[in-house]
Amino acid sequence: MKILVIQQKMIGDVLVSSIICNNLRTAYPDAQIDYLVYASTTPVLEVNSSIDNIILFEEKHRKSKKNF
């Protein structure tokens, strides 16, 4: 199972919502949990062992559905 959590806000919101990943890991221990965020928010997520991959949402994704 793969789970994608999307949070396109600032660092405080990303930190608080990362609790979702912890709860998902508890409920689905074998799932791959990825988190889509802005690059500026990654420092607060890098130490979270419940997140398998941090995916960066870049400006080019905002401007083009094709790039997204």
C-alpha atoms as a PDB file:
ATOM      1  CA  MET A   1       0.000   0.000   0.000  1.00  0.00           C
ATOM      2  CA  LYS A   2       1.209   3.510  -0.818  1.00  0.00           C
ATOM      3  CA  ILE A   3       0.008   6.640   0.934  1.00  0.00           C
ATOM      4  CA  LEU A   4       0.666  10.215  -0.182  1.00  0.00           C
ATOM      5  CA  VAL A   5       0.181  13.052   2.296  1.00  0.00           C
ATOM      6  CA  ILE A   6       0.040  16.517   0.725  1.00  0.00           C
ATOM      7  CA  GLN A   7       0.698  19.695   2.720  1.00  0.00           C
ATOM      8  CA  GLN A   8       1.262  22.883   0.771  1.00  0.00           C
ATOM      9  CA  LYS A   9       1.617  25.354   3.580  1.00  0.00           C
ATOM     10  CA  MET A  10       4.377  26.774   5.683  1.00  0.00           C
ATOM     11  CA  ILE A  11       6.760  25.083   8.081  1.00  0.00           C
ATOM     12  CA  GLY A  12       4.573  25.209  11.216  1.00  0.00           C
ATOM     13  CA  ASP A  13       1.607  23.639   9.432  1.00  0.00           C
ATOM     14  CA  VAL A  14       3.827  20.934   7.973  1.00  0.00           C
ATOM     15  CA  LEU A  15       5.312  20.115  11.366  1.00  0.00           C
ATOM     16  CA  VAL A  16       1.906  19.845  13.038  1.00  0.00           C
ATOM     17  CA  SER A  17       0.380  17.816  10.204  1.00  0.00           C
ATOM     18  CA  SER A  18       3.328  15.412  10.174  1.00  0.00           C
ATOM     19  CA  ILE A  19       1.540  13.784  13.123  1.00  0.00           C
ATOM     20  CA  ILE A  20      -0.767  12.350  10.462  1.00  0.00           C
ATOM     21  CA  CYS A  21       2.171  10.331   9.149  1.00  0.00           C
ATOM     22  CA  ASN A  22       2.857   8.949  12.615  1.00  0.00           C
ATOM     23  CA  ASN A  23      -0.775   7.859  12.939  1.00  0.00           C
ATOM     24  CA  LEU A  24      -0.750   6.332   9.458  1.00  0.00           C
ATOM     25  CA  ARG A  25       2.424   4.383  10.296  1.00  0.00           C
ATOM     26  CA  THR A  26       0.711   2.976  13.384  1.00  0.00           C
ATOM     27  CA  ALA A  27      -2.411   2.008  11.428  1.00  0.00           C
ATOM     28  CA  TYR A  28      -0.547   0.718   8.347  1.00  0.00           C
ATOM     29  CA  PRO A  29       2.950  -0.342   9.448  1.00  0.00           C
ATOM     30  CA  ASP A  30       3.887  -1.864   6.078  1.00  0.00           C
ATOM     31  CA  ALA A  31       2.688   1.041   3.926  1.00  0.00           C
ATOM     32  CA  GLN A  32       4.989   3.357   2.010  1.00  0.00           C
ATOM     33  CA  ILE A  33       4.243   6.857   3.301  1.00  0.00           C
ATOM     34  CA  ASP A  34       5.316   9.771   1.134  1.00  0.00           C
ATOM     35  CA  TYR A  35       4.895  13.453   2.003  1.00  0.00           C
ATOM     36  CA  LEU A  36       4.555  16.162  -0.659  1.00  0.00           C
ATOM     37  CA  VAL A  37       5.723  19.576   0.605  1.00  0.00           C
ATOM     38  CA  TYR A  38       7.503  22.776  -0.398  1.00  0.00           C
ATOM     39  CA  ALA A  39      11.298  22.540  -0.288  1.00  0.00           C
ATOM     40  CA  SER A  40      11.532  25.167   2.464  1.00  0.00           C
ATOM     41  CA  THR A  41       9.659  22.904   4.892  1.00  0.00           C
ATOM     42  CA  THR A  42      11.790  19.768   4.608  1.00  0.00           C
ATOM     43  CA  PRO A  43      14.083  20.364   7.625  1.00  0.00           C
ATOM     44  CA  VAL A  44      11.256  19.620  10.092  1.00  0.00           C
ATOM     45  CA  LEU A  45      10.428  16.350   8.332  1.00  0.00           C
ATOM     46  CA  GLU A  46      13.847  14.817   7.811  1.00  0.00           C
ATOM     47  CA  VAL A  47      13.961  13.314  11.305  1.00  0.00           C
ATOM     48  CA  ASN A  48      10.476  11.779  11.127  1.00  0.00           C
ATOM     49  CA  SER A  49      10.935   8.020  10.804  1.00  0.00           C
ATOM     50  CA  SER A  50       7.268   7.585   9.800  1.00  0.00           C
ATOM     51  CA  ILE A  51       7.924   9.237   6.423  1.00  0.00           C
ATOM     52  CA  ASP A  52       9.576   7.091   3.755  1.00  0.00           C
ATOM     53  CA  ASN A  53      10.010   9.772   1.086  1.00  0.00           C
ATOM     54  CA  ILE A  54       9.790  13.543   1.028  1.00  0.00           C
ATOM     55  CA  ILE A  55       8.594  14.724  -2.374  1.00  0.00           C
ATOM     56  CA  LEU A  56       9.210  18.349  -3.255  1.00  0.00           C
ATOM     57  CA  PHE A  57       6.429  20.484  -4.694  1.00  0.00           C
ATOM     58  CA  GLU A  58       8.205  23.083  -6.808  1.00  0.00           C
ATOM     59  CA  GLU A  59       7.070  26.317  -8.413  1.00  0.00           C
ATOM     60  CA  LYS A  60       6.972  24.646 -11.835  1.00  0.00           C
ATOM     61  CA  HIS A  61       4.273  22.299 -10.504  1.00  0.00           C
ATOM     62  CA  ARG A  62       2.100  25.247  -9.473  1.00  0.00           C
ATOM     63  CA  LYS A  63       2.284  26.784 -12.911  1.00  0.00           C
ATOM     64  CA  SER A  64       1.695  23.716 -15.039  1.00  0.00           C
ATOM     65  CA  LYS A  65      -0.609  20.755 -14.557  1.00  0.00           C
ATOM     66  CA  LYS A  66       1.563  18.820 -16.992  1.00  0.00           C
ATOM     67  CA  ASN A  67       4.640  19.296 -14.772  1.00  0.00           C
ATOM     68  CA  PHE A  68       2.626  18.323 -11.726  1.00  0.00           C
END
